[in-house]
Amino acid sequence: MYIMFGIALVGGGFAIWFYRHTFCEPNIDCHALVDIAKWGQTGDFFGGILNPFFTFCGLFFVIITINQNQKALRQNDIELKKSSMALQSQITTAKKQQFEASFFQLLSMFNGVVKEHLVFNEKIQGTECPKMLYAYLLEKLQYNGGVSDIKGINRVYAEFHEICLYRLTGYIGTLYSIIKFVDDCDELSDENKKFYTNLVRSQLSKYELGLLLYICLLTSDYGQGKFLPLVKKYDLLKYLDKATLADQAHWKLLTDAFADSEANAVGWAECNEAQQK
């Protein structure tokens, strides 16, 4: 802007000098000229010389103003994007903190259920209770030659559950709620969901994993309808000691149930897709 002002000043001074050089006669004061025609020529001269020049200067300043406005708009857009990203990051962090607080509270509740509410008898309770409950279930499964089919397992477990209902209800319900809570959290990636379910799995003893296997073999909505898909999805029985099972054929029953659940899921997805079409 200073450069343009200097150019305009020089241009105006040059116009005055050129006027004096062209129109003023030697040794005559220009202010004393009274020739109207020469005054008309003076106006035409300055108008013809300076108007295009100052119009160009004005256009230049308009271009500079537009350019500065565009830069300001771009800068504002960048700042808005940064603010939006920062806000989104804060929201994500807050949701993660809220999830973790609820998750660890549920996990603490689950451990509390195991330690305080699982009772086998007056002497056996807490963390020792799952071992005795599992041993009792195995005894019933192995009675009279053992059970090797889904129908028989469901029948034996129904008897076992009827006897041990008050011991198992809170335990199984809390375990399922934790896994379902992680699975339903849309803000978590699959990798993060795997991490949190691994934490839950690390809390389970080999006897609790055995109980979980037989729960997954139940044909009820609670077993194969709810627990089985989650157990398969997050590989909760990865460290199950198969030697503790009542019959090695029971592991084969579980893998078959996994395959059936996957086939049912594919069939359900294809059915939904066909209905949408």
C-alpha atoms as a PDB file:
ATOM      1  CA  MET A   1       0.000   0.000   0.000  1.00  0.00           C
ATOM      2  CA  TYR A   2       2.848   2.389   0.750  1.00  0.00           C
ATOM      3  CA  ILE A   3       4.402   1.556  -2.604  1.00  0.00           C
ATOM      4  CA  MET A   4       1.130   2.267  -4.405  1.00  0.00           C
ATOM      5  CA  PHE A   5       0.743   5.553  -2.524  1.00  0.00           C
ATOM      6  CA  GLY A   6       4.280   6.548  -3.544  1.00  0.00           C
ATOM      7  CA  ILE A   7       3.577   5.639  -7.156  1.00  0.00           C
ATOM      8  CA  ALA A   8       0.368   7.700  -7.092  1.00  0.00           C
ATOM      9  CA  LEU A   9       2.247  10.675  -5.601  1.00  0.00           C
ATOM     10  CA  VAL A  10       4.995  10.434  -8.201  1.00  0.00           C
ATOM     11  CA  GLY A  11       2.412  10.047 -10.955  1.00  0.00           C
ATOM     12  CA  GLY A  12       0.557  13.178  -9.782  1.00  0.00           C
ATOM     13  CA  GLY A  13       3.810  15.149  -9.571  1.00  0.00           C
ATOM     14  CA  PHE A  14       4.796  13.943 -13.029  1.00  0.00           C
ATOM     15  CA  ALA A  15       1.423  15.042 -14.418  1.00  0.00           C
ATOM     16  CA  ILE A  16       1.905  18.572 -12.984  1.00  0.00           C
ATOM     17  CA  TRP A  17       5.426  18.801 -14.382  1.00  0.00           C
ATOM     18  CA  PHE A  18       4.333  17.558 -17.762  1.00  0.00           C
ATOM     19  CA  TYR A  19       1.473  20.061 -17.782  1.00  0.00           C
ATOM     20  CA  ARG A  20       3.772  22.974 -17.035  1.00  0.00           C
ATOM     21  CA  HIS A  21       6.247  21.751 -19.634  1.00  0.00           C
ATOM     22  CA  THR A  22       3.535  21.431 -22.276  1.00  0.00           C
ATOM     23  CA  PHE A  23       1.108  24.281 -21.670  1.00  0.00           C
ATOM     24  CA  CYS A  24       2.999  26.998 -19.808  1.00  0.00           C
ATOM     25  CA  GLU A  25       4.876  29.372 -22.062  1.00  0.00           C
ATOM     26  CA  PRO A  26       8.431  30.227 -21.096  1.00  0.00           C
ATOM     27  CA  ASN A  27       8.810  33.092 -18.613  1.00  0.00           C
ATOM     28  CA  ILE A  28       5.001  33.258 -18.039  1.00  0.00           C
ATOM     29  CA  ASP A  29       3.284  32.416 -14.746  1.00  0.00           C
ATOM     30  CA  CYS A  30       0.734  29.638 -15.378  1.00  0.00           C
ATOM     31  CA  HIS A  31      -1.571  30.988 -12.706  1.00  0.00           C
ATOM     32  CA  ALA A  32      -2.007  34.145 -14.725  1.00  0.00           C
ATOM     33  CA  LEU A  33      -3.380  32.342 -17.763  1.00  0.00           C
ATOM     34  CA  VAL A  34      -6.957  33.313 -18.478  1.00  0.00           C
ATOM     35  CA  ASP A  35      -7.415  31.494 -21.728  1.00  0.00           C
ATOM     36  CA  ILE A  36     -10.562  29.389 -21.214  1.00  0.00           C
ATOM     37  CA  ALA A  37      -9.566  27.029 -23.984  1.00  0.00           C
ATOM     38  CA  LYS A  38      -6.305  26.256 -22.206  1.00  0.00           C
ATOM     39  CA  TRP A  39      -8.210  25.619 -18.956  1.00  0.00           C
ATOM     40  CA  GLY A  40     -10.395  23.117 -20.839  1.00  0.00           C
ATOM     41  CA  GLN A  41      -7.300  21.489 -22.236  1.00  0.00           C
ATOM     42  CA  THR A  42      -5.910  21.334 -18.698  1.00  0.00           C
ATOM     43  CA  GLY A  43      -8.948  19.422 -17.401  1.00  0.00           C
ATOM     44  CA  ASP A  44      -8.928  17.058 -20.353  1.00  0.00           C
ATOM     45  CA  PHE A  45      -5.230  16.470 -19.861  1.00  0.00           C
ATOM     46  CA  PHE A  46      -5.436  15.637 -16.166  1.00  0.00           C
ATOM     47  CA  GLY A  47      -8.589  13.580 -16.677  1.00  0.00           C
ATOM     48  CA  GLY A  48      -7.139  11.618 -19.552  1.00  0.00           C
ATOM     49  CA  ILE A  49      -3.833  10.978 -17.777  1.00  0.00           C
ATOM     50  CA  LEU A  50      -4.794  10.489 -14.131  1.00  0.00           C
ATOM     51  CA  ASN A  51      -8.247   8.815 -14.332  1.00  0.00           C
ATOM     52  CA  PRO A  52      -6.994   5.540 -15.899  1.00  0.00           C
ATOM     53  CA  PHE A  53      -4.009   5.617 -13.577  1.00  0.00           C
ATOM     54  CA  PHE A  54      -6.043   6.032 -10.378  1.00  0.00           C
ATOM     55  CA  THR A  55      -8.663   3.564 -11.658  1.00  0.00           C
ATOM     56  CA  PHE A  56      -5.875   1.017 -11.999  1.00  0.00           C
ATOM     57  CA  CYS A  57      -4.689   1.836  -8.459  1.00  0.00           C
ATOM     58  CA  GLY A  58      -8.243   1.435  -7.123  1.00  0.00           C
ATOM     59  CA  LEU A  59      -8.617  -1.907  -8.891  1.00  0.00           C
ATOM     60  CA  PHE A  60      -5.309  -3.016  -7.414  1.00  0.00           C
ATOM     61  CA  PHE A  61      -6.506  -2.159  -3.903  1.00  0.00           C
ATOM     62  CA  VAL A  62      -9.785  -4.026  -4.516  1.00  0.00           C
ATOM     63  CA  ILE A  63      -7.817  -7.100  -5.569  1.00  0.00           C
ATOM     64  CA  ILE A  64      -5.672  -6.815  -2.430  1.00  0.00           C
ATOM     65  CA  THR A  65      -8.814  -6.539  -0.268  1.00  0.00           C
ATOM     66  CA  ILE A  66     -10.431  -9.587  -1.887  1.00  0.00           C
ATOM     67  CA  ASN A  67      -7.224 -11.578  -1.439  1.00  0.00           C
ATOM     68  CA  GLN A  68      -6.990 -10.605   2.247  1.00  0.00           C
ATOM     69  CA  ASN A  69     -10.639 -11.582   2.782  1.00  0.00           C
ATOM     70  CA  GLN A  70     -10.043 -14.954   1.146  1.00  0.00           C
ATOM     71  CA  LYS A  71      -7.019 -15.556   3.381  1.00  0.00           C
ATOM     72  CA  ALA A  72      -9.059 -14.622   6.438  1.00  0.00           C
ATOM     73  CA  LEU A  73     -11.869 -16.991   5.406  1.00  0.00           C
ATOM     74  CA  ARG A  74      -9.417 -19.830   4.824  1.00  0.00           C
ATOM     75  CA  GLN A  75      -7.822 -19.196   8.215  1.00  0.00           C
ATOM     76  CA  ASN A  76     -11.235 -19.165   9.876  1.00  0.00           C
ATOM     77  CA  ASP A  77     -12.095 -22.439   8.159  1.00  0.00           C
ATOM     78  CA  ILE A  78      -8.848 -24.008   9.408  1.00  0.00           C
ATOM     79  CA  GLU A  79      -9.517 -22.789  12.949  1.00  0.00           C
ATOM     80  CA  LEU A  80     -13.076 -24.132  12.833  1.00  0.00           C
ATOM     81  CA  LYS A  81     -11.822 -27.527  11.655  1.00  0.00           C
ATOM     82  CA  LYS A  82      -9.227 -27.576  14.444  1.00  0.00           C
ATOM     83  CA  SER A  83     -11.879 -26.647  16.999  1.00  0.00           C
ATOM     84  CA  SER A  84     -14.221 -29.324  15.644  1.00  0.00           C
ATOM     85  CA  MET A  85     -11.494 -31.967  15.802  1.00  0.00           C
ATOM     86  CA  ALA A  86     -10.541 -30.924  19.331  1.00  0.00           C
ATOM     87  CA  LEU A  87     -14.196 -31.041  20.424  1.00  0.00           C
ATOM     88  CA  GLN A  88     -14.667 -34.453  18.808  1.00  0.00           C
ATOM     89  CA  SER A  89     -11.532 -35.700  20.550  1.00  0.00           C
ATOM     90  CA  GLN A  90     -12.854 -34.444  23.895  1.00  0.00           C
ATOM     91  CA  ILE A  91     -16.211 -36.142  23.294  1.00  0.00           C
ATOM     92  CA  THR A  92     -14.483 -39.421  22.374  1.00  0.00           C
ATOM     93  CA  THR A  93     -12.272 -39.229  25.456  1.00  0.00           C
ATOM     94  CA  ALA A  94     -15.260 -38.484  27.689  1.00  0.00           C
ATOM     95  CA  LYS A  95     -17.224 -41.421  26.252  1.00  0.00           C
ATOM     96  CA  LYS A  96     -14.251 -43.741  26.721  1.00  0.00           C
ATOM     97  CA  GLN A  97     -13.811 -42.611  30.322  1.00  0.00           C
ATOM     98  CA  GLN A  98     -17.521 -43.110  30.957  1.00  0.00           C
ATOM     99  CA  PHE A  99     -17.372 -46.590  29.408  1.00  0.00           C
ATOM    100  CA  GLU A 100     -14.304 -47.595  31.413  1.00  0.00           C
ATOM    101  CA  ALA A 101     -15.857 -46.356  34.640  1.00  0.00           C
ATOM    102  CA  SER A 102     -18.977 -48.446  34.007  1.00  0.00           C
ATOM    103  CA  PHE A 103     -16.958 -51.445  32.808  1.00  0.00           C
ATOM    104  CA  PHE A 104     -14.671 -51.620  35.832  1.00  0.00           C
ATOM    105  CA  GLN A 105     -17.632 -51.048  38.124  1.00  0.00           C
ATOM    106  CA  LEU A 106     -19.371 -54.050  36.543  1.00  0.00           C
ATOM    107  CA  LEU A 107     -16.170 -56.085  36.788  1.00  0.00           C
ATOM    108  CA  SER A 108     -15.857 -55.173  40.459  1.00  0.00           C
ATOM    109  CA  MET A 109     -19.497 -56.139  40.957  1.00  0.00           C
ATOM    110  CA  PHE A 110     -18.827 -59.500  39.298  1.00  0.00           C
ATOM    111  CA  ASN A 111     -15.869 -60.202  41.579  1.00  0.00           C
ATOM    112  CA  GLY A 112     -18.040 -59.176  44.507  1.00  0.00           C
ATOM    113  CA  VAL A 113     -20.720 -61.654  43.452  1.00  0.00           C
ATOM    114  CA  VAL A 114     -18.123 -64.438  43.289  1.00  0.00           C
ATOM    115  CA  LYS A 115     -16.564 -63.616  46.672  1.00  0.00           C
ATOM    116  CA  GLU A 116     -19.651 -62.733  48.677  1.00  0.00           C
ATOM    117  CA  HIS A 117     -22.711 -64.362  47.099  1.00  0.00           C
ATOM    118  CA  LEU A 118     -21.497 -67.702  45.759  1.00  0.00           C
ATOM    119  CA  VAL A 119     -22.021 -70.203  48.580  1.00  0.00           C
ATOM    120  CA  PHE A 120     -21.828 -73.997  48.293  1.00  0.00           C
ATOM    121  CA  ASN A 121     -22.108 -74.732  51.977  1.00  0.00           C
ATOM    122  CA  GLU A 122     -21.079 -73.180  55.270  1.00  0.00           C
ATOM    123  CA  LYS A 123     -17.419 -74.042  54.716  1.00  0.00           C
ATOM    124  CA  ILE A 124     -17.114 -73.577  50.946  1.00  0.00           C
ATOM    125  CA  GLN A 125     -17.913 -70.200  49.498  1.00  0.00           C
ATOM    126  CA  GLY A 126     -16.444 -67.390  47.432  1.00  0.00           C
ATOM    127  CA  THR A 127     -13.759 -68.301  44.871  1.00  0.00           C
ATOM    128  CA  GLU A 128     -13.863 -71.973  45.947  1.00  0.00           C
ATOM    129  CA  CYS A 129     -17.565 -72.233  45.153  1.00  0.00           C
ATOM    130  CA  PRO A 130     -17.273 -72.441  41.306  1.00  0.00           C
ATOM    131  CA  LYS A 131     -14.936 -75.417  41.692  1.00  0.00           C
ATOM    132  CA  MET A 132     -17.461 -77.329  43.823  1.00  0.00           C
ATOM    133  CA  LEU A 133     -20.403 -76.336  41.620  1.00  0.00           C
ATOM    134  CA  TYR A 134     -18.541 -77.508  38.533  1.00  0.00           C
ATOM    135  CA  ALA A 135     -17.560 -80.761  40.241  1.00  0.00           C
ATOM    136  CA  TYR A 136     -21.209 -81.300  41.185  1.00  0.00           C
ATOM    137  CA  LEU A 137     -22.318 -80.688  37.577  1.00  0.00           C
ATOM    138  CA  LEU A 138     -19.670 -83.105  36.241  1.00  0.00           C
ATOM    139  CA  GLU A 139     -20.807 -85.732  38.696  1.00  0.00           C
ATOM    140  CA  LYS A 140     -24.365 -85.478  37.404  1.00  0.00           C
ATOM    141  CA  LEU A 141     -23.164 -85.549  33.773  1.00  0.00           C
ATOM    142  CA  GLN A 142     -21.029 -88.670  34.393  1.00  0.00           C
ATOM    143  CA  TYR A 143     -23.690 -90.506  36.381  1.00  0.00           C
ATOM    144  CA  ASN A 144     -24.739 -93.886  34.873  1.00  0.00           C
ATOM    145  CA  GLY A 145     -22.254 -93.876  32.011  1.00  0.00           C
ATOM    146  CA  GLY A 146     -22.318 -90.194  31.208  1.00  0.00           C
ATOM    147  CA  VAL A 147     -24.159 -87.899  28.816  1.00  0.00           C
ATOM    148  CA  SER A 148     -22.845 -87.291  25.289  1.00  0.00           C
ATOM    149  CA  ASP A 149     -25.627 -85.386  23.501  1.00  0.00           C
ATOM    150  CA  ILE A 150     -27.135 -81.897  23.682  1.00  0.00           C
ATOM    151  CA  LYS A 151     -30.534 -83.153  24.832  1.00  0.00           C
ATOM    152  CA  GLY A 152     -29.013 -85.057  27.753  1.00  0.00           C
ATOM    153  CA  ILE A 153     -26.833 -82.100  28.762  1.00  0.00           C
ATOM    154  CA  ASN A 154     -29.867 -79.831  28.774  1.00  0.00           C
ATOM    155  CA  ARG A 155     -31.784 -82.272  30.946  1.00  0.00           C
ATOM    156  CA  VAL A 156     -28.937 -82.682  33.462  1.00  0.00           C
ATOM    157  CA  TYR A 157     -28.225 -78.947  33.561  1.00  0.00           C
ATOM    158  CA  ALA A 158     -31.900 -78.212  34.192  1.00  0.00           C
ATOM    159  CA  GLU A 159     -31.776 -80.460  37.267  1.00  0.00           C
ATOM    160  CA  PHE A 160     -28.474 -78.934  38.344  1.00  0.00           C
ATOM    161  CA  HIS A 161     -29.775 -75.393  37.866  1.00  0.00           C
ATOM    162  CA  GLU A 162     -32.950 -76.096  39.815  1.00  0.00           C
ATOM    163  CA  ILE A 163     -30.872 -77.203  42.798  1.00  0.00           C
ATOM    164  CA  CYS A 164     -28.213 -74.453  42.500  1.00  0.00           C
ATOM    165  CA  LEU A 165     -30.411 -71.662  41.165  1.00  0.00           C
ATOM    166  CA  TYR A 166     -29.898 -69.219  44.020  1.00  0.00           C
ATOM    167  CA  ARG A 167     -26.139 -69.713  43.746  1.00  0.00           C
ATOM    168  CA  LEU A 168     -25.880 -69.184  39.966  1.00  0.00           C
ATOM    169  CA  THR A 169     -28.463 -66.587  38.990  1.00  0.00           C
ATOM    170  CA  GLY A 170     -26.557 -63.463  40.006  1.00  0.00           C
ATOM    171  CA  TYR A 171     -23.219 -64.889  38.876  1.00  0.00           C
ATOM    172  CA  ILE A 172     -24.283 -65.864  35.349  1.00  0.00           C
ATOM    173  CA  GLY A 173     -26.415 -62.755  34.854  1.00  0.00           C
ATOM    174  CA  THR A 174     -23.587 -60.413  35.858  1.00  0.00           C
ATOM    175  CA  LEU A 175     -21.065 -62.189  33.613  1.00  0.00           C
ATOM    176  CA  TYR A 176     -23.416 -61.974  30.640  1.00  0.00           C
ATOM    177  CA  SER A 177     -24.174 -58.310  31.330  1.00  0.00           C
ATOM    178  CA  ILE A 178     -20.480 -57.374  31.252  1.00  0.00           C
ATOM    179  CA  ILE A 179     -19.812 -59.116  27.927  1.00  0.00           C
ATOM    180  CA  LYS A 180     -23.002 -57.707  26.408  1.00  0.00           C
ATOM    181  CA  PHE A 181     -22.136 -54.216  27.667  1.00  0.00           C
ATOM    182  CA  VAL A 182     -18.784 -54.323  25.854  1.00  0.00           C
ATOM    183  CA  ASP A 183     -20.329 -55.770  22.700  1.00  0.00           C
ATOM    184  CA  ASP A 184     -23.024 -53.075  22.526  1.00  0.00           C
ATOM    185  CA  CYS A 185     -20.573 -50.162  22.822  1.00  0.00           C
ATOM    186  CA  ASP A 186     -20.471 -48.679  19.307  1.00  0.00           C
ATOM    187  CA  GLU A 187     -17.671 -46.243  20.211  1.00  0.00           C
ATOM    188  CA  LEU A 188     -15.192 -49.116  20.681  1.00  0.00           C
ATOM    189  CA  SER A 189     -13.301 -50.733  17.840  1.00  0.00           C
ATOM    190  CA  ASP A 190     -13.291 -54.517  17.530  1.00  0.00           C
ATOM    191  CA  GLU A 191      -9.719 -54.535  18.820  1.00  0.00           C
ATOM    192  CA  ASN A 192     -10.694 -52.589  21.947  1.00  0.00           C
ATOM    193  CA  LYS A 193     -13.714 -54.820  22.543  1.00  0.00           C
ATOM    194  CA  LYS A 194     -11.379 -57.806  22.367  1.00  0.00           C
ATOM    195  CA  PHE A 195      -9.097 -56.152  24.918  1.00  0.00           C
ATOM    196  CA  TYR A 196     -11.878 -55.605  27.466  1.00  0.00           C
ATOM    197  CA  THR A 197     -13.402 -59.058  27.018  1.00  0.00           C
ATOM    198  CA  ASN A 198      -9.925 -60.526  27.504  1.00  0.00           C
ATOM    199  CA  LEU A 199      -9.852 -58.746  30.868  1.00  0.00           C
ATOM    200  CA  VAL A 200     -13.116 -60.432  31.769  1.00  0.00           C
ATOM    201  CA  ARG A 201     -11.807 -63.811  30.614  1.00  0.00           C
ATOM    202  CA  SER A 202      -8.709 -63.387  32.778  1.00  0.00           C
ATOM    203  CA  GLN A 203     -10.995 -63.232  35.850  1.00  0.00           C
ATOM    204  CA  LEU A 204     -12.440 -66.687  35.159  1.00  0.00           C
ATOM    205  CA  SER A 205     -10.942 -69.838  36.630  1.00  0.00           C
ATOM    206  CA  LYS A 206     -10.814 -73.098  34.667  1.00  0.00           C
ATOM    207  CA  TYR A 207     -13.890 -74.264  36.557  1.00  0.00           C
ATOM    208  CA  GLU A 208     -15.819 -71.141  35.616  1.00  0.00           C
ATOM    209  CA  LEU A 209     -14.797 -71.666  31.984  1.00  0.00           C
ATOM    210  CA  GLY A 210     -16.138 -75.209  32.233  1.00  0.00           C
ATOM    211  CA  LEU A 211     -19.466 -73.936  33.576  1.00  0.00           C
ATOM    212  CA  LEU A 212     -19.562 -71.401  30.737  1.00  0.00           C
ATOM    213  CA  LEU A 213     -19.101 -74.171  28.155  1.00  0.00           C
ATOM    214  CA  TYR A 214     -22.120 -76.099  29.421  1.00  0.00           C
ATOM    215  CA  ILE A 215     -24.171 -72.906  29.558  1.00  0.00           C
ATOM    216  CA  CYS A 216     -23.361 -72.364  25.872  1.00  0.00           C
ATOM    217  CA  LEU A 217     -24.631 -75.872  25.063  1.00  0.00           C
ATOM    218  CA  LEU A 218     -28.084 -75.102  26.446  1.00  0.00           C
ATOM    219  CA  THR A 219     -30.701 -74.882  23.712  1.00  0.00           C
ATOM    220  CA  SER A 220     -32.593 -72.255  25.640  1.00  0.00           C
ATOM    221  CA  ASP A 221     -32.603 -68.645  24.522  1.00  0.00           C
ATOM    222  CA  TYR A 222     -30.234 -67.814  27.379  1.00  0.00           C
ATOM    223  CA  GLY A 223     -27.611 -70.357  26.324  1.00  0.00           C
ATOM    224  CA  GLN A 224     -27.270 -70.705  22.560  1.00  0.00           C
ATOM    225  CA  GLY A 225     -29.446 -67.658  21.943  1.00  0.00           C
ATOM    226  CA  LYS A 226     -27.424 -65.169  24.021  1.00  0.00           C
ATOM    227  CA  PHE A 227     -24.208 -66.519  25.500  1.00  0.00           C
ATOM    228  CA  LEU A 228     -23.009 -68.736  22.645  1.00  0.00           C
ATOM    229  CA  PRO A 229     -22.593 -65.964  19.988  1.00  0.00           C
ATOM    230  CA  LEU A 230     -20.666 -63.761  22.427  1.00  0.00           C
ATOM    231  CA  VAL A 231     -18.443 -66.625  23.618  1.00  0.00           C
ATOM    232  CA  LYS A 232     -17.587 -67.458  20.008  1.00  0.00           C
ATOM    233  CA  LYS A 233     -17.092 -63.829  18.964  1.00  0.00           C
ATOM    234  CA  TYR A 234     -14.653 -63.015  21.773  1.00  0.00           C
ATOM    235  CA  ASP A 235     -13.121 -66.502  22.128  1.00  0.00           C
ATOM    236  CA  LEU A 236     -13.903 -66.630  25.837  1.00  0.00           C
ATOM    237  CA  LEU A 237     -13.166 -70.370  26.036  1.00  0.00           C
ATOM    238  CA  LYS A 238      -9.712 -70.017  24.490  1.00  0.00           C
ATOM    239  CA  TYR A 239      -7.953 -71.246  27.651  1.00  0.00           C
ATOM    240  CA  LEU A 240     -10.499 -73.876  28.658  1.00  0.00           C
ATOM    241  CA  ASP A 241      -8.838 -77.008  30.073  1.00  0.00           C
ATOM    242  CA  LYS A 242     -10.583 -79.711  28.030  1.00  0.00           C
ATOM    243  CA  ALA A 243      -9.345 -82.335  30.467  1.00  0.00           C
ATOM    244  CA  THR A 244     -11.819 -80.994  33.026  1.00  0.00           C
ATOM    245  CA  LEU A 245     -14.848 -81.784  30.853  1.00  0.00           C
ATOM    246  CA  ALA A 246     -17.156 -84.624  31.772  1.00  0.00           C
ATOM    247  CA  ASP A 247     -16.683 -86.075  28.282  1.00  0.00           C
ATOM    248  CA  GLN A 248     -14.279 -85.023  25.506  1.00  0.00           C
ATOM    249  CA  ALA A 249     -17.193 -85.298  23.092  1.00  0.00           C
ATOM    250  CA  HIS A 250     -18.706 -82.236  24.762  1.00  0.00           C
ATOM    251  CA  TRP A 251     -16.057 -80.012  23.130  1.00  0.00           C
ATOM    252  CA  LYS A 252     -17.108 -81.366  19.742  1.00  0.00           C
ATOM    253  CA  LEU A 253     -20.701 -80.507  20.608  1.00  0.00           C
ATOM    254  CA  LEU A 254     -19.597 -76.941  21.302  1.00  0.00           C
ATOM    255  CA  THR A 255     -17.715 -76.569  17.998  1.00  0.00           C
ATOM    256  CA  ASP A 256     -20.774 -77.914  16.183  1.00  0.00           C
ATOM    257  CA  ALA A 257     -22.919 -75.365  18.029  1.00  0.00           C
ATOM    258  CA  PHE A 258     -20.493 -72.642  16.951  1.00  0.00           C
ATOM    259  CA  ALA A 259     -20.836 -73.743  13.324  1.00  0.00           C
ATOM    260  CA  ASP A 260     -24.636 -73.883  13.585  1.00  0.00           C
ATOM    261  CA  SER A 261     -24.790 -70.402  15.123  1.00  0.00           C
ATOM    262  CA  GLU A 262     -22.617 -69.021  12.309  1.00  0.00           C
ATOM    263  CA  ALA A 263     -24.782 -70.696   9.667  1.00  0.00           C
ATOM    264  CA  ASN A 264     -27.916 -69.313  11.318  1.00  0.00           C
ATOM    265  CA  ALA A 265     -26.396 -65.843  11.377  1.00  0.00           C
ATOM    266  CA  VAL A 266     -25.526 -66.045   7.663  1.00  0.00           C
ATOM    267  CA  GLY A 267     -28.981 -67.345   6.833  1.00  0.00           C
ATOM    268  CA  TRP A 268     -30.612 -64.568   8.846  1.00  0.00           C
ATOM    269  CA  ALA A 269     -28.488 -61.940   7.078  1.00  0.00           C
ATOM    270  CA  GLU A 270     -29.373 -63.370   3.653  1.00  0.00           C
ATOM    271  CA  CYS A 271     -33.057 -63.405   4.615  1.00  0.00           C
ATOM    272  CA  ASN A 272     -32.929 -59.752   5.674  1.00  0.00           C
ATOM    273  CA  GLU A 273     -31.121 -58.818   2.460  1.00  0.00           C
ATOM    274  CA  ALA A 274     -33.730 -60.623   0.358  1.00  0.00           C
ATOM    275  CA  GLN A 275     -36.561 -58.875   2.210  1.00  0.00           C
ATOM    276  CA  GLN A 276     -34.940 -55.481   1.640  1.00  0.00           C
ATOM    277  CA  LYS A 277     -34.595 -56.171  -2.086  1.00  0.00           C
END
